[in-house]
Structures are given as C-alpha cells and as structure tokens.
Amino acid sequence: MMYEKTEKAGLLRDTSSGGIVNNDDAALKAYKLKKEQSRLIKENNDRITKIENDISEIKKLISEHLSNN
C-alpha cells in the first residue's frame, strides 16, 4: 500500500483505494482513553443505580417489618 499526504496533518490517502487513513498516534491514544473513561463512568453509574435499588428494597423491608410489629 502506498500513502500520500493530505492537507490535514495526521491523515494520509491510500493511493490504491482512495481511502483516508489516520496515522495520528496521539489522537488514537486520546480516543482510547476517552472511550475507557466513558466505560468506567457507565460502569460506576450502573453500580450506583444497583446500590440505590438495594437500599430502597432494604428500606421497604424494614418498613414492612416495623409495621408488622
């Protein structure tokens, strides 16, 4: 494959297919970091939601128990 420079830094054109190839390693690392951070945020939000639901269930059970006594 042969590549030629484009007007934009970090982008090359594949001469055989005409496709654009990104060779900006810093941008790729930043993208991967942002993607990992988003995954962790979603995971933490899911955990928080589960904890909130568990607490609500515990409160309901305590309330029911106190009502029965």
PDB file of N, CA and C in Angstrom:
ATOM      1  N   MET A   1       0.844  -1.176   0.000  1.00  0.00           N
ATOM      2  CA  MET A   1       0.000   0.000   0.000  1.00  0.00           C
ATOM      3  C   MET A   1       0.889   1.239   0.000  1.00  0.00           C
ATOM      4  N   MET A   2       0.472   2.188  -0.754  1.00  0.00           N
ATOM      5  CA  MET A   2       1.172   3.461  -0.821  1.00  0.00           C
ATOM      6  C   MET A   2       0.251   4.543  -0.271  1.00  0.00           C
ATOM      7  N   TYR A   3       0.851   5.458   0.445  1.00  0.00           N
ATOM      8  CA  TYR A   3       0.089   6.551   1.031  1.00  0.00           C
ATOM      9  C   TYR A   3       0.666   7.868   0.552  1.00  0.00           C
ATOM     10  N   GLU A   4      -0.207   8.842   0.411  1.00  0.00           N
ATOM     11  CA  GLU A   4       0.248  10.202   0.109  1.00  0.00           C
ATOM     12  C   GLU A   4      -0.342  11.153   1.136  1.00  0.00           C
ATOM     13  N   LYS A   5       0.395  12.208   1.410  1.00  0.00           N
ATOM     14  CA  LYS A   5      -0.050  13.179   2.404  1.00  0.00           C
ATOM     15  C   LYS A   5      -1.295  13.906   1.919  1.00  0.00           C
ATOM     16  N   THR A   6      -2.104  14.345   2.889  1.00  0.00           N
ATOM     17  CA  THR A   6      -3.280  15.160   2.590  1.00  0.00           C
ATOM     18  C   THR A   6      -3.056  16.547   3.173  1.00  0.00           C
ATOM     19  N   GLU A   7      -4.037  17.403   3.000  1.00  0.00           N
ATOM     20  CA  GLU A   7      -3.932  18.759   3.534  1.00  0.00           C
ATOM     21  C   GLU A   7      -3.967  18.784   5.049  1.00  0.00           C
ATOM     22  N   LYS A   8      -4.613  17.791   5.652  1.00  0.00           N
ATOM     23  CA  LYS A   8      -4.727  17.734   7.110  1.00  0.00           C
ATOM     24  C   LYS A   8      -3.602  16.907   7.699  1.00  0.00           C
ATOM     25  N   ALA A   9      -2.986  17.433   8.743  1.00  0.00           N
ATOM     26  CA  ALA A   9      -1.920  16.705   9.430  1.00  0.00           C
ATOM     27  C   ALA A   9      -2.481  15.448  10.075  1.00  0.00           C
ATOM     28  N   GLY A  10      -1.738  14.366   9.996  1.00  0.00           N
ATOM     29  CA  GLY A  10      -2.161  13.121  10.621  1.00  0.00           C
ATOM     30  C   GLY A  10      -3.034  12.244   9.742  1.00  0.00           C
ATOM     31  N   LEU A  11      -3.412  12.749   8.556  1.00  0.00           N
ATOM     32  CA  LEU A  11      -4.235  11.971   7.647  1.00  0.00           C
ATOM     33  C   LEU A  11      -3.467  11.686   6.361  1.00  0.00           C
ATOM     34  N   LEU A  12      -3.563  10.445   5.906  1.00  0.00           N
ATOM     35  CA  LEU A  12      -2.928  10.029   4.662  1.00  0.00           C
ATOM     36  C   LEU A  12      -3.995   9.438   3.755  1.00  0.00           C
ATOM     37  N   ARG A  13      -3.752   9.487   2.444  1.00  0.00           N
ATOM     38  CA  ARG A  13      -4.673   8.875   1.488  1.00  0.00           C
ATOM     39  C   ARG A  13      -4.032   7.610   0.940  1.00  0.00           C
ATOM     40  N   ASP A  14      -4.793   6.504   0.977  1.00  0.00           N
ATOM     41  CA  ASP A  14      -4.355   5.239   0.386  1.00  0.00           C
ATOM     42  C   ASP A  14      -4.516   5.390  -1.127  1.00  0.00           C
ATOM     43  N   THR A  15      -3.399   5.318  -1.852  1.00  0.00           N
ATOM     44  CA  THR A  15      -3.454   5.570  -3.297  1.00  0.00           C
ATOM     45  C   THR A  15      -4.186   4.464  -4.052  1.00  0.00           C
ATOM     46  N   SER A  16      -4.222   3.249  -3.517  1.00  0.00           N
ATOM     47  CA  SER A  16      -4.888   2.164  -4.243  1.00  0.00           C
ATOM     48  C   SER A  16      -6.413   2.211  -4.073  1.00  0.00           C
ATOM     49  N   SER A  17      -6.897   2.559  -2.883  1.00  0.00           N
ATOM     50  CA  SER A  17      -8.347   2.566  -2.656  1.00  0.00           C
ATOM     51  C   SER A  17      -8.933   3.971  -2.602  1.00  0.00           C
ATOM     52  N   GLY A  18      -8.087   4.970  -2.374  1.00  0.00           N
ATOM     53  CA  GLY A  18      -8.570   6.339  -2.239  1.00  0.00           C
ATOM     54  C   GLY A  18      -9.057   6.651  -0.838  1.00  0.00           C
ATOM     55  N   GLY A  19      -8.980   5.666   0.057  1.00  0.00           N
ATOM     56  CA  GLY A  19      -9.440   5.852   1.432  1.00  0.00           C
ATOM     57  C   GLY A  19      -8.502   6.729   2.241  1.00  0.00           C
ATOM     58  N   ILE A  20      -9.030   7.284   3.311  1.00  0.00           N
ATOM     59  CA  ILE A  20      -8.255   8.124   4.215  1.00  0.00           C
ATOM     60  C   ILE A  20      -7.828   7.280   5.417  1.00  0.00           C
ATOM     61  N   VAL A  21      -6.562   7.408   5.782  1.00  0.00           N
ATOM     62  CA  VAL A  21      -6.005   6.670   6.909  1.00  0.00           C
ATOM     63  C   VAL A  21      -5.490   7.680   7.925  1.00  0.00           C
ATOM     64  N   ASN A  22      -5.878   7.479   9.188  1.00  0.00           N
ATOM     65  CA  ASN A  22      -5.405   8.346  10.256  1.00  0.00           C
ATOM     66  C   ASN A  22      -4.165   7.724  10.864  1.00  0.00           C
ATOM     67  N   ASN A  23      -3.065   8.457  10.883  1.00  0.00           N
ATOM     68  CA  ASN A  23      -1.835   7.942  11.490  1.00  0.00           C
ATOM     69  C   ASN A  23      -1.377   8.809  12.658  1.00  0.00           C
ATOM     70  N   ASP A  24      -2.330   9.493  13.291  1.00  0.00           N
ATOM     71  CA  ASP A  24      -2.036  10.358  14.429  1.00  0.00           C
ATOM     72  C   ASP A  24      -2.127   9.523  15.710  1.00  0.00           C
ATOM     73  N   ASP A  25      -0.976   9.062  16.192  1.00  0.00           N
ATOM     74  CA  ASP A  25      -0.937   8.198  17.372  1.00  0.00           C
ATOM     75  C   ASP A  25      -1.485   8.889  18.621  1.00  0.00           C
ATOM     76  N   ALA A  26      -1.202  10.172  18.779  1.00  0.00           N
ATOM     77  CA  ALA A  26      -1.683  10.900  19.958  1.00  0.00           C
ATOM     78  C   ALA A  26      -3.211  10.955  19.967  1.00  0.00           C
ATOM     79  N   ALA A  27      -3.808  11.184  18.798  1.00  0.00           N
ATOM     80  CA  ALA A  27      -5.271  11.227  18.718  1.00  0.00           C
ATOM     81  C   ALA A  27      -5.867   9.859  19.017  1.00  0.00           C
ATOM     82  N   LEU A  28      -5.228   8.806  18.547  1.00  0.00           N
ATOM     83  CA  LEU A  28      -5.707   7.457  18.815  1.00  0.00           C
ATOM     84  C   LEU A  28      -5.639   7.150  20.308  1.00  0.00           C
ATOM     85  N   LYS A  29      -4.541   7.519  20.945  1.00  0.00           N
ATOM     86  CA  LYS A  29      -4.402   7.294  22.392  1.00  0.00           C
ATOM     87  C   LYS A  29      -5.453   8.084  23.156  1.00  0.00           C
ATOM     88  N   ALA A  30      -5.691   9.333  22.750  1.00  0.00           N
ATOM     89  CA  ALA A  30      -6.699  10.167  23.412  1.00  0.00           C
ATOM     90  C   ALA A  30      -8.087   9.555  23.239  1.00  0.00           C
ATOM     91  N   TYR A  31      -8.388   9.047  22.048  1.00  0.00           N
ATOM     92  CA  TYR A  31      -9.677   8.406  21.789  1.00  0.00           C
ATOM     93  C   TYR A  31      -9.853   7.184  22.678  1.00  0.00           C
ATOM     94  N   LYS A  32      -8.827   6.345  22.750  1.00  0.00           N
ATOM     95  CA  LYS A  32      -8.917   5.133  23.570  1.00  0.00           C
ATOM     96  C   LYS A  32      -9.084   5.474  25.045  1.00  0.00           C
ATOM     97  N   LEU A  33      -8.376   6.507  25.526  1.00  0.00           N
ATOM     98  CA  LEU A  33      -8.501   6.938  26.910  1.00  0.00           C
ATOM     99  C   LEU A  33      -9.917   7.435  27.192  1.00  0.00           C
ATOM    100  N   LYS A  34     -10.449   8.254  26.285  1.00  0.00           N
ATOM    101  CA  LYS A  34     -11.804   8.782  26.464  1.00  0.00           C
ATOM    102  C   LYS A  34     -12.826   7.641  26.455  1.00  0.00           C
ATOM    103  N   LYS A  35     -12.644   6.679  25.569  1.00  0.00           N
ATOM    104  CA  LYS A  35     -13.550   5.535  25.500  1.00  0.00           C
ATOM    105  C   LYS A  35     -13.504   4.725  26.797  1.00  0.00           C
ATOM    106  N   GLU A  36     -12.310   4.505  27.338  1.00  0.00           N
ATOM    107  CA  GLU A  36     -12.162   3.770  28.598  1.00  0.00           C
ATOM    108  C   GLU A  36     -12.794   4.540  29.751  1.00  0.00           C
ATOM    109  N   GLN A  37     -12.606   5.859  29.773  1.00  0.00           N
ATOM    110  CA  GLN A  37     -13.202   6.675  30.828  1.00  0.00           C
ATOM    111  C   GLN A  37     -14.729   6.623  30.748  1.00  0.00           C
ATOM    112  N   SER A  38     -15.268   6.668  29.539  1.00  0.00           N
ATOM    113  CA  SER A  38     -16.725   6.579  29.362  1.00  0.00           C
ATOM    114  C   SER A  38     -17.239   5.234  29.846  1.00  0.00           C
ATOM    115  N   ARG A  39     -16.495   4.166  29.559  1.00  0.00           N
ATOM    116  CA  ARG A  39     -16.889   2.833  30.005  1.00  0.00           C
ATOM    117  C   ARG A  39     -16.902   2.759  31.524  1.00  0.00           C
ATOM    118  N   LEU A  40     -15.870   3.333  32.159  1.00  0.00           N
ATOM    119  CA  LEU A  40     -15.804   3.321  33.617  1.00  0.00           C
ATOM    120  C   LEU A  40     -16.931   4.144  34.244  1.00  0.00           C
ATOM    121  N   ILE A  41     -17.247   5.270  33.644  1.00  0.00           N
ATOM    122  CA  ILE A  41     -18.338   6.109  34.153  1.00  0.00           C
ATOM    123  C   ILE A  41     -19.654   5.351  34.066  1.00  0.00           C
ATOM    124  N   LYS A  42     -19.909   4.697  32.931  1.00  0.00           N
ATOM    125  CA  LYS A  42     -21.135   3.916  32.778  1.00  0.00           C
ATOM    126  C   LYS A  42     -21.175   2.786  33.793  1.00  0.00           C
ATOM    127  N   GLU A  43     -20.052   2.105  33.970  1.00  0.00           N
ATOM    128  CA  GLU A  43     -19.986   1.001  34.940  1.00  0.00           C
ATOM    129  C   GLU A  43     -20.291   1.509  36.348  1.00  0.00           C
ATOM    130  N   ASN A  44     -19.709   2.640  36.716  1.00  0.00           N
ATOM    131  CA  ASN A  44     -19.948   3.216  38.045  1.00  0.00           C
ATOM    132  C   ASN A  44     -21.400   3.668  38.205  1.00  0.00           C
ATOM    133  N   ASN A  45     -21.967   4.252  37.159  1.00  0.00           N
ATOM    134  CA  ASN A  45     -23.372   4.660  37.224  1.00  0.00           C
ATOM    135  C   ASN A  45     -24.279   3.453  37.405  1.00  0.00           C
ATOM    136  N   ASP A  46     -23.962   2.369  36.717  1.00  0.00           N
ATOM    137  CA  ASP A  46     -24.747   1.140  36.874  1.00  0.00           C
ATOM    138  C   ASP A  46     -24.637   0.613  38.299  1.00  0.00           C
ATOM    139  N   ARG A  47     -23.442   0.659  38.857  1.00  0.00           N
ATOM    140  CA  ARG A  47     -23.240   0.184  40.231  1.00  0.00           C
ATOM    141  C   ARG A  47     -24.016   1.058  41.220  1.00  0.00           C
ATOM    142  N   ILE A  48     -23.975   2.366  41.014  1.00  0.00           N
ATOM    143  CA  ILE A  48     -24.698   3.290  41.893  1.00  0.00           C
ATOM    144  C   ILE A  48     -26.197   3.023  41.822  1.00  0.00           C
ATOM    145  N   THR A  49     -26.701   2.823  40.615  1.00  0.00           N
ATOM    146  CA  THR A  49     -28.130   2.529  40.446  1.00  0.00           C
ATOM    147  C   THR A  49     -28.499   1.250  41.183  1.00  0.00           C
ATOM    148  N   LYS A  50     -27.671   0.230  41.088  1.00  0.00           N
ATOM    149  CA  LYS A  50     -27.941  -1.029  41.783  1.00  0.00           C
ATOM    150  C   LYS A  50     -27.937  -0.817  43.297  1.00  0.00           C
ATOM    151  N   ILE A  51     -26.981  -0.060  43.794  1.00  0.00           N
ATOM    152  CA  ILE A  51     -26.913   0.219  45.231  1.00  0.00           C
ATOM    153  C   ILE A  51     -28.157   0.990  45.680  1.00  0.00           C
ATOM    154  N   GLU A  52     -28.573   1.978  44.897  1.00  0.00           N
ATOM    155  CA  GLU A  52     -29.784   2.735  45.238  1.00  0.00           C
ATOM    156  C   GLU A  52     -31.002   1.825  45.292  1.00  0.00           C
ATOM    157  N   ASN A  53     -31.106   0.911  44.316  1.00  0.00           N
ATOM    158  CA  ASN A  53     -32.231  -0.028  44.308  1.00  0.00           C
ATOM    159  C   ASN A  53     -32.176  -0.959  45.514  1.00  0.00           C
ATOM    160  N   ASP A  54     -30.986  -1.422  45.864  1.00  0.00           N
ATOM    161  CA  ASP A  54     -30.832  -2.284  47.041  1.00  0.00           C
ATOM    162  C   ASP A  54     -31.232  -1.551  48.313  1.00  0.00           C
ATOM    163  N   ILE A  55     -30.824  -0.299  48.438  1.00  0.00           N
ATOM    164  CA  ILE A  55     -31.171   0.488  49.621  1.00  0.00           C
ATOM    165  C   ILE A  55     -32.681   0.690  49.697  1.00  0.00           C
ATOM    166  N   SER A  56     -33.301   0.966  48.570  1.00  0.00           N
ATOM    167  CA  SER A  56     -34.762   1.130  48.557  1.00  0.00           C
ATOM    168  C   SER A  56     -35.456  -0.148  49.001  1.00  0.00           C
ATOM    169  N   GLU A  57     -34.956  -1.273  48.527  1.00  0.00           N
ATOM    170  CA  GLU A  57     -35.545  -2.550  48.919  1.00  0.00           C
ATOM    171  C   GLU A  57     -35.355  -2.803  50.420  1.00  0.00           C
ATOM    172  N   ILE A  58     -34.196  -2.492  50.940  1.00  0.00           N
ATOM    173  CA  ILE A  58     -33.918  -2.667  52.375  1.00  0.00           C
ATOM    174  C   ILE A  58     -34.855  -1.770  53.196  1.00  0.00           C
ATOM    175  N   LYS A  59     -35.014  -0.521  52.758  1.00  0.00           N
ATOM    176  CA  LYS A  59     -35.908   0.392  53.472  1.00  0.00           C
ATOM    177  C   LYS A  59     -37.336  -0.129  53.470  1.00  0.00           C
ATOM    178  N   LYS A  60     -37.758  -0.661  52.334  1.00  0.00           N
ATOM    179  CA  LYS A  60     -39.118  -1.215  52.235  1.00  0.00           C
ATOM    180  C   LYS A  60     -39.278  -2.394  53.185  1.00  0.00           C
ATOM    181  N   LEU A  61     -38.299  -3.282  53.210  1.00  0.00           N
ATOM    182  CA  LEU A  61     -38.377  -4.448  54.082  1.00  0.00           C
ATOM    183  C   LEU A  61     -38.391  -4.043  55.560  1.00  0.00           C
ATOM    184  N   ILE A  62     -37.581  -3.058  55.921  1.00  0.00           N
ATOM    185  CA  ILE A  62     -37.568  -2.575  57.307  1.00  0.00           C
ATOM    186  C   ILE A  62     -38.911  -1.957  57.671  1.00  0.00           C
ATOM    187  N   SER A  63     -39.449  -1.168  56.740  1.00  0.00           N
ATOM    188  CA  SER A  63     -40.738  -0.542  56.990  1.00  0.00           C
ATOM    189  C   SER A  63     -41.843  -1.587  57.184  1.00  0.00           C
ATOM    190  N   GLU A  64     -41.821  -2.599  56.317  1.00  0.00           N
ATOM    191  CA  GLU A  64     -42.816  -3.678  56.440  1.00  0.00           C
ATOM    192  C   GLU A  64     -42.633  -4.419  57.759  1.00  0.00           C
ATOM    193  N   HIS A  65     -41.413  -4.660  58.135  1.00  0.00           N
ATOM    194  CA  HIS A  65     -41.155  -5.370  59.376  1.00  0.00           C
ATOM    195  C   HIS A  65     -41.646  -4.564  60.580  1.00  0.00           C
ATOM    196  N   LEU A  66     -41.378  -3.266  60.572  1.00  0.00           N
ATOM    197  CA  LEU A  66     -41.807  -2.406  61.681  1.00  0.00           C
ATOM    198  C   LEU A  66     -43.325  -2.288  61.727  1.00  0.00           C
ATOM    199  N   SER A  67     -43.966  -2.316  60.572  1.00  0.00           N
ATOM    200  CA  SER A  67     -45.437  -2.222  60.519  1.00  0.00           C
ATOM    201  C   SER A  67     -46.092  -3.471  61.088  1.00  0.00           C
ATOM    202  N   ASN A  68     -45.430  -4.598  60.936  1.00  0.00           N
ATOM    203  CA  ASN A  68     -45.991  -5.870  61.405  1.00  0.00           C
ATOM    204  C   ASN A  68     -45.786  -6.064  62.899  1.00  0.00           C
ATOM    205  N   ASN A  69     -44.970  -5.281  63.520  1.00  0.00           N
ATOM    206  CA  ASN A  69     -44.703  -5.455  64.962  1.00  0.00           C
ATOM    207  C   ASN A  69     -45.427  -4.450  65.800  1.00  0.00           C
TER     208      ASN A  69
END
